[in-house]
Amino acid sequence: QVQLVESGGGLVQASGSLRLSCAASGSIFSINVMGWYRQAPGKQRELVAAIISGGRTNYADSVKGRFTIYRDNAKNVYLQMNSLKPEDTAVYYCNGRIYGSLSPGYWGQGTQVTVSS
């Protein structure tokens, strides 16, 4: 089993910044893709950013140039969010999975990010 615990969400004004953290523990040796997803009220969960073992990253078009995903040696993963917009308001979820697997992997409990205008 893999446990993922997010932290760092909160309320911020537009153009502000937040950093989300995801602490990974358990049987994480098999996990080689870590990502951040978000779900706004009434909308589907969407991929925000992902990082693959080796360091390759990909981002949703809506956050390119504003958000940065990175990780440390312990496989904890972070999402630095700059120039936040009200449309970034959502619950943000950390995800860990195996590259190429059809399994959705493991999810954290989510952390709320609210951006006021």
N, C-alpha and C. Protein backbone atom coordinates (compact mmCIF):
# COMPACT_ATOMS: atom_id res chain seq x y z
N GLN A 1 0.83 -1.19 0.00
CA GLN A 1 0.00 0.00 0.00
C GLN A 1 0.87 1.25 0.00
N VAL A 2 0.32 2.27 -0.59
CA VAL A 2 0.98 3.58 -0.66
C VAL A 2 0.08 4.60 -0.01
N GLN A 3 0.66 5.44 0.81
CA GLN A 3 -0.09 6.52 1.44
C GLN A 3 0.43 7.86 0.91
N LEU A 4 -0.51 8.71 0.55
CA LEU A 4 -0.18 10.04 0.06
C LEU A 4 -0.94 11.07 0.89
N VAL A 5 -0.23 12.03 1.41
CA VAL A 5 -0.84 13.04 2.26
C VAL A 5 -0.47 14.42 1.73
N GLU A 6 -1.50 15.17 1.33
CA GLU A 6 -1.26 16.51 0.80
C GLU A 6 -1.32 17.55 1.91
N SER A 7 -0.65 18.65 1.68
CA SER A 7 -0.74 19.80 2.58
C SER A 7 -0.38 21.05 1.78
N GLY A 8 -0.67 22.20 2.36
CA GLY A 8 -0.27 23.45 1.75
C GLY A 8 -1.37 24.25 1.08
N GLY A 9 -2.57 23.70 1.04
CA GLY A 9 -3.66 24.45 0.44
C GLY A 9 -4.09 25.61 1.32
N GLY A 10 -4.99 26.42 0.79
CA GLY A 10 -5.48 27.55 1.57
C GLY A 10 -6.14 28.59 0.70
N LEU A 11 -6.33 29.75 1.28
CA LEU A 11 -6.97 30.87 0.59
C LEU A 11 -5.88 31.88 0.23
N VAL A 12 -5.89 32.31 -1.03
CA VAL A 12 -4.90 33.27 -1.50
C VAL A 12 -5.56 34.22 -2.48
N GLN A 13 -5.06 35.42 -2.56
CA GLN A 13 -5.59 36.38 -3.53
C GLN A 13 -5.02 36.09 -4.92
N ALA A 14 -5.76 36.51 -5.90
CA ALA A 14 -5.29 36.36 -7.28
C ALA A 14 -3.91 37.00 -7.44
N SER A 15 -3.08 36.37 -8.22
CA SER A 15 -1.68 36.70 -8.49
C SER A 15 -0.74 36.24 -7.39
N GLY A 16 -1.30 35.66 -6.33
CA GLY A 16 -0.47 35.15 -5.25
C GLY A 16 0.09 33.78 -5.57
N SER A 17 0.77 33.21 -4.57
CA SER A 17 1.45 31.92 -4.73
C SER A 17 1.13 30.98 -3.58
N LEU A 18 1.18 29.70 -3.88
CA LEU A 18 1.06 28.64 -2.87
C LEU A 18 1.97 27.50 -3.29
N ARG A 19 2.42 26.74 -2.30
CA ARG A 19 3.15 25.53 -2.60
C ARG A 19 2.45 24.35 -1.93
N LEU A 20 2.08 23.39 -2.74
CA LEU A 20 1.47 22.17 -2.24
C LEU A 20 2.55 21.10 -2.05
N SER A 21 2.37 20.31 -1.01
CA SER A 21 3.29 19.22 -0.73
C SER A 21 2.52 17.91 -0.67
N CYS A 22 3.16 16.84 -1.11
CA CYS A 22 2.59 15.51 -1.04
C CYS A 22 3.63 14.58 -0.44
N ALA A 23 3.35 14.10 0.75
CA ALA A 23 4.26 13.19 1.43
C ALA A 23 3.87 11.76 1.09
N ALA A 24 4.79 11.02 0.50
CA ALA A 24 4.54 9.65 0.09
C ALA A 24 5.20 8.67 1.07
N SER A 25 4.48 7.62 1.42
CA SER A 25 5.03 6.60 2.31
C SER A 25 4.44 5.25 1.95
N GLY A 26 5.02 4.19 2.54
CA GLY A 26 4.56 2.84 2.25
C GLY A 26 5.38 2.22 1.13
N SER A 27 4.73 1.40 0.34
CA SER A 27 5.41 0.65 -0.73
C SER A 27 5.56 1.52 -1.97
N ILE A 28 6.37 2.56 -1.85
CA ILE A 28 6.48 3.54 -2.92
C ILE A 28 7.52 3.16 -3.97
N PHE A 29 8.23 2.06 -3.77
CA PHE A 29 9.32 1.71 -4.69
C PHE A 29 8.82 1.46 -6.10
N SER A 30 7.55 1.03 -6.23
CA SER A 30 7.02 0.72 -7.56
C SER A 30 6.43 1.94 -8.26
N ILE A 31 6.24 3.03 -7.54
CA ILE A 31 5.60 4.21 -8.11
C ILE A 31 6.63 5.03 -8.88
N ASN A 32 6.37 5.26 -10.17
CA ASN A 32 7.33 6.05 -10.95
C ASN A 32 6.69 7.23 -11.67
N VAL A 33 5.43 7.48 -11.40
CA VAL A 33 4.78 8.69 -11.90
C VAL A 33 4.04 9.33 -10.73
N MET A 34 4.37 10.57 -10.46
CA MET A 34 3.66 11.33 -9.43
C MET A 34 3.01 12.51 -10.10
N GLY A 35 1.78 12.78 -9.70
CA GLY A 35 1.07 13.88 -10.35
C GLY A 35 0.16 14.63 -9.41
N TRP A 36 -0.24 15.78 -9.86
CA TRP A 36 -1.25 16.58 -9.18
C TRP A 36 -2.45 16.73 -10.10
N TYR A 37 -3.61 16.47 -9.56
CA TYR A 37 -4.87 16.65 -10.24
C TYR A 37 -5.69 17.65 -9.46
N ARG A 38 -6.72 18.18 -10.10
CA ARG A 38 -7.63 19.07 -9.38
C ARG A 38 -9.06 18.85 -9.86
N GLN A 39 -9.97 19.17 -8.96
CA GLN A 39 -11.39 19.04 -9.28
C GLN A 39 -12.12 20.24 -8.72
N ALA A 40 -12.70 21.02 -9.62
CA ALA A 40 -13.51 22.16 -9.22
C ALA A 40 -14.96 21.72 -9.10
N PRO A 41 -15.78 22.45 -8.35
CA PRO A 41 -17.19 22.07 -8.20
C PRO A 41 -17.89 21.94 -9.54
N GLY A 42 -18.57 20.82 -9.74
CA GLY A 42 -19.31 20.60 -10.96
C GLY A 42 -18.48 20.21 -12.16
N LYS A 43 -17.18 20.01 -11.96
CA LYS A 43 -16.29 19.66 -13.07
C LYS A 43 -15.59 18.33 -12.81
N GLN A 44 -15.09 17.75 -13.87
CA GLN A 44 -14.35 16.50 -13.75
C GLN A 44 -12.95 16.77 -13.21
N ARG A 45 -12.40 15.73 -12.59
CA ARG A 45 -11.03 15.83 -12.13
C ARG A 45 -10.10 15.90 -13.34
N GLU A 46 -9.13 16.78 -13.28
CA GLU A 46 -8.23 16.96 -14.42
C GLU A 46 -6.77 16.95 -13.96
N LEU A 47 -5.92 16.50 -14.87
CA LEU A 47 -4.49 16.50 -14.59
C LEU A 47 -3.96 17.93 -14.63
N VAL A 48 -3.18 18.29 -13.61
CA VAL A 48 -2.54 19.59 -13.57
C VAL A 48 -1.08 19.47 -14.00
N ALA A 49 -0.37 18.53 -13.39
CA ALA A 49 1.05 18.35 -13.70
C ALA A 49 1.48 16.96 -13.26
N ALA A 50 2.47 16.43 -13.93
CA ALA A 50 3.00 15.11 -13.57
C ALA A 50 4.50 15.10 -13.76
N ILE A 51 5.15 14.25 -12.98
CA ILE A 51 6.59 14.09 -13.10
C ILE A 51 6.90 12.60 -13.09
N ILE A 52 7.75 12.19 -14.03
CA ILE A 52 8.08 10.78 -14.21
C ILE A 52 9.51 10.55 -13.74
N SER A 53 9.79 9.35 -13.25
CA SER A 53 11.15 9.02 -12.84
C SER A 53 12.10 9.37 -13.97
N GLY A 54 13.15 10.09 -13.65
CA GLY A 54 14.05 10.60 -14.66
C GLY A 54 13.88 12.09 -14.82
N GLY A 55 12.75 12.60 -14.29
CA GLY A 55 12.57 14.03 -14.24
C GLY A 55 11.69 14.65 -15.30
N ARG A 56 11.22 13.83 -16.24
CA ARG A 56 10.37 14.41 -17.29
C ARG A 56 9.06 14.89 -16.68
N THR A 57 8.60 16.05 -17.13
CA THR A 57 7.38 16.64 -16.60
C THR A 57 6.41 16.98 -17.73
N ASN A 58 5.14 17.05 -17.36
CA ASN A 58 4.17 17.59 -18.30
C ASN A 58 3.11 18.36 -17.52
N TYR A 59 2.54 19.35 -18.19
CA TYR A 59 1.61 20.27 -17.55
C TYR A 59 0.37 20.46 -18.40
N ALA A 60 -0.73 20.75 -17.73
CA ALA A 60 -1.93 21.19 -18.44
C ALA A 60 -1.62 22.54 -19.06
N ASP A 61 -2.19 22.80 -20.22
CA ASP A 61 -1.93 24.07 -20.90
C ASP A 61 -2.30 25.27 -20.02
N SER A 62 -3.32 25.10 -19.20
CA SER A 62 -3.83 26.21 -18.40
C SER A 62 -2.86 26.64 -17.30
N VAL A 63 -1.87 25.80 -16.99
CA VAL A 63 -0.95 26.15 -15.90
C VAL A 63 0.49 26.30 -16.36
N LYS A 64 0.75 26.04 -17.61
CA LYS A 64 2.13 26.16 -18.11
C LYS A 64 2.67 27.56 -17.89
N GLY A 65 3.89 27.61 -17.39
CA GLY A 65 4.52 28.89 -17.12
C GLY A 65 4.18 29.47 -15.76
N ARG A 66 3.20 28.88 -15.08
CA ARG A 66 2.80 29.37 -13.76
C ARG A 66 3.07 28.35 -12.65
N PHE A 67 2.89 27.09 -12.96
CA PHE A 67 3.06 26.02 -11.98
C PHE A 67 4.32 25.22 -12.28
N THR A 68 4.94 24.72 -11.23
CA THR A 68 6.11 23.86 -11.37
C THR A 68 5.98 22.67 -10.46
N ILE A 69 6.14 21.48 -11.02
CA ILE A 69 6.11 20.26 -10.23
C ILE A 69 7.55 19.79 -10.05
N TYR A 70 7.88 19.34 -8.84
CA TYR A 70 9.21 18.80 -8.59
C TYR A 70 9.11 17.83 -7.42
N ARG A 71 10.17 17.07 -7.22
CA ARG A 71 10.16 16.07 -6.16
C ARG A 71 11.51 16.07 -5.47
N ASP A 72 11.54 15.43 -4.30
CA ASP A 72 12.80 15.27 -3.61
C ASP A 72 13.24 13.81 -3.67
N ASN A 73 14.33 13.47 -3.04
CA ASN A 73 14.87 12.11 -3.13
C ASN A 73 13.98 11.08 -2.45
N ALA A 74 13.10 11.53 -1.58
CA ALA A 74 12.22 10.61 -0.87
C ALA A 74 10.92 10.36 -1.61
N LYS A 75 10.83 10.83 -2.85
CA LYS A 75 9.63 10.69 -3.68
C LYS A 75 8.48 11.55 -3.20
N ASN A 76 8.72 12.45 -2.27
CA ASN A 76 7.71 13.45 -1.99
C ASN A 76 7.64 14.38 -3.20
N VAL A 77 6.47 14.89 -3.46
CA VAL A 77 6.31 15.72 -4.64
C VAL A 77 5.66 17.05 -4.26
N TYR A 78 6.01 18.08 -4.99
CA TYR A 78 5.56 19.42 -4.66
C TYR A 78 4.98 20.09 -5.90
N LEU A 79 4.12 21.04 -5.67
CA LEU A 79 3.57 21.84 -6.76
C LEU A 79 3.67 23.31 -6.34
N GLN A 80 4.58 24.02 -6.98
CA GLN A 80 4.71 25.44 -6.76
C GLN A 80 3.76 26.15 -7.71
N MET A 81 2.84 26.92 -7.14
CA MET A 81 1.82 27.59 -7.94
C MET A 81 2.00 29.09 -7.82
N ASN A 82 2.32 29.73 -8.93
CA ASN A 82 2.50 31.17 -8.95
C ASN A 82 1.44 31.81 -9.84
N SER A 83 1.29 33.11 -9.70
CA SER A 83 0.32 33.86 -10.53
C SER A 83 -1.04 33.18 -10.52
N LEU A 84 -1.51 32.85 -9.35
CA LEU A 84 -2.77 32.12 -9.24
C LEU A 84 -3.94 32.96 -9.72
N LYS A 85 -4.91 32.26 -10.31
CA LYS A 85 -6.11 32.87 -10.83
C LYS A 85 -7.32 32.28 -10.14
N PRO A 86 -8.44 33.00 -10.12
CA PRO A 86 -9.65 32.45 -9.50
C PRO A 86 -10.05 31.09 -10.10
N GLU A 87 -9.79 30.90 -11.38
CA GLU A 87 -10.15 29.63 -12.02
C GLU A 87 -9.26 28.47 -11.59
N ASP A 88 -8.23 28.74 -10.80
CA ASP A 88 -7.42 27.66 -10.23
C ASP A 88 -8.06 27.10 -8.95
N THR A 89 -9.12 27.71 -8.51
CA THR A 89 -9.81 27.24 -7.30
C THR A 89 -10.33 25.82 -7.51
N ALA A 90 -9.94 24.93 -6.62
CA ALA A 90 -10.32 23.52 -6.73
C ALA A 90 -9.76 22.75 -5.53
N VAL A 91 -10.18 21.50 -5.43
CA VAL A 91 -9.50 20.58 -4.53
C VAL A 91 -8.38 19.92 -5.32
N TYR A 92 -7.19 19.97 -4.79
CA TYR A 92 -6.01 19.42 -5.46
C TYR A 92 -5.65 18.07 -4.82
N TYR A 93 -5.44 17.08 -5.69
CA TYR A 93 -5.15 15.72 -5.24
C TYR A 93 -3.78 15.28 -5.74
N CYS A 94 -3.08 14.61 -4.89
CA CYS A 94 -1.82 13.98 -5.26
C CYS A 94 -2.10 12.56 -5.74
N ASN A 95 -1.39 12.13 -6.75
CA ASN A 95 -1.58 10.79 -7.31
C ASN A 95 -0.23 10.13 -7.54
N GLY A 96 -0.17 8.85 -7.25
CA GLY A 96 1.03 8.08 -7.54
C GLY A 96 0.64 6.81 -8.28
N ARG A 97 1.33 6.51 -9.38
CA ARG A 97 0.97 5.32 -10.15
C ARG A 97 2.19 4.78 -10.87
N ILE A 98 1.96 3.66 -11.55
CA ILE A 98 3.02 3.04 -12.33
C ILE A 98 2.86 3.44 -13.79
N TYR A 99 3.91 3.92 -14.39
CA TYR A 99 3.87 4.39 -15.77
C TYR A 99 3.39 3.27 -16.69
N GLY A 100 2.41 3.57 -17.52
CA GLY A 100 1.89 2.60 -18.48
C GLY A 100 0.83 1.69 -17.93
N SER A 101 0.58 1.75 -16.64
CA SER A 101 -0.42 0.89 -16.03
C SER A 101 -1.82 1.46 -16.26
N LEU A 102 -2.78 0.58 -16.37
CA LEU A 102 -4.18 1.02 -16.50
C LEU A 102 -4.78 1.37 -15.14
N SER A 103 -4.11 0.98 -14.10
CA SER A 103 -4.61 1.28 -12.76
C SER A 103 -4.50 2.77 -12.49
N PRO A 104 -5.51 3.35 -11.86
CA PRO A 104 -5.46 4.78 -11.53
C PRO A 104 -4.43 5.10 -10.46
N GLY A 105 -3.94 4.08 -9.77
CA GLY A 105 -2.92 4.32 -8.76
C GLY A 105 -3.51 4.72 -7.43
N TYR A 106 -2.74 5.47 -6.68
CA TYR A 106 -3.11 5.87 -5.33
C TYR A 106 -3.39 7.36 -5.27
N TRP A 107 -4.34 7.70 -4.38
CA TRP A 107 -4.75 9.10 -4.24
C TRP A 107 -4.61 9.57 -2.80
N GLY A 108 -4.29 10.84 -2.65
CA GLY A 108 -4.37 11.46 -1.35
C GLY A 108 -5.79 11.93 -1.09
N GLN A 109 -5.96 12.54 0.06
CA GLN A 109 -7.31 12.95 0.47
C GLN A 109 -7.72 14.30 -0.13
N GLY A 110 -6.77 15.02 -0.68
CA GLY A 110 -7.06 16.31 -1.30
C GLY A 110 -6.82 17.48 -0.38
N THR A 111 -6.51 18.61 -0.98
CA THR A 111 -6.35 19.85 -0.23
C THR A 111 -7.00 20.98 -1.02
N GLN A 112 -7.75 21.80 -0.32
CA GLN A 112 -8.51 22.87 -0.97
C GLN A 112 -7.62 24.07 -1.26
N VAL A 113 -7.71 24.55 -2.48
CA VAL A 113 -7.07 25.80 -2.89
C VAL A 113 -8.16 26.75 -3.35
N THR A 114 -8.23 27.91 -2.73
CA THR A 114 -9.22 28.91 -3.09
C THR A 114 -8.50 30.21 -3.44
N VAL A 115 -8.77 30.71 -4.64
CA VAL A 115 -8.14 31.94 -5.11
C VAL A 115 -9.21 33.01 -5.24
N SER A 116 -9.08 34.07 -4.48
CA SER A 116 -10.08 35.13 -4.51
C SER A 116 -9.66 36.21 -5.51
N SER A 117 -10.66 36.84 -6.09
CA SER A 117 -10.38 37.87 -7.10
C SER A 117 -10.24 39.24 -6.47
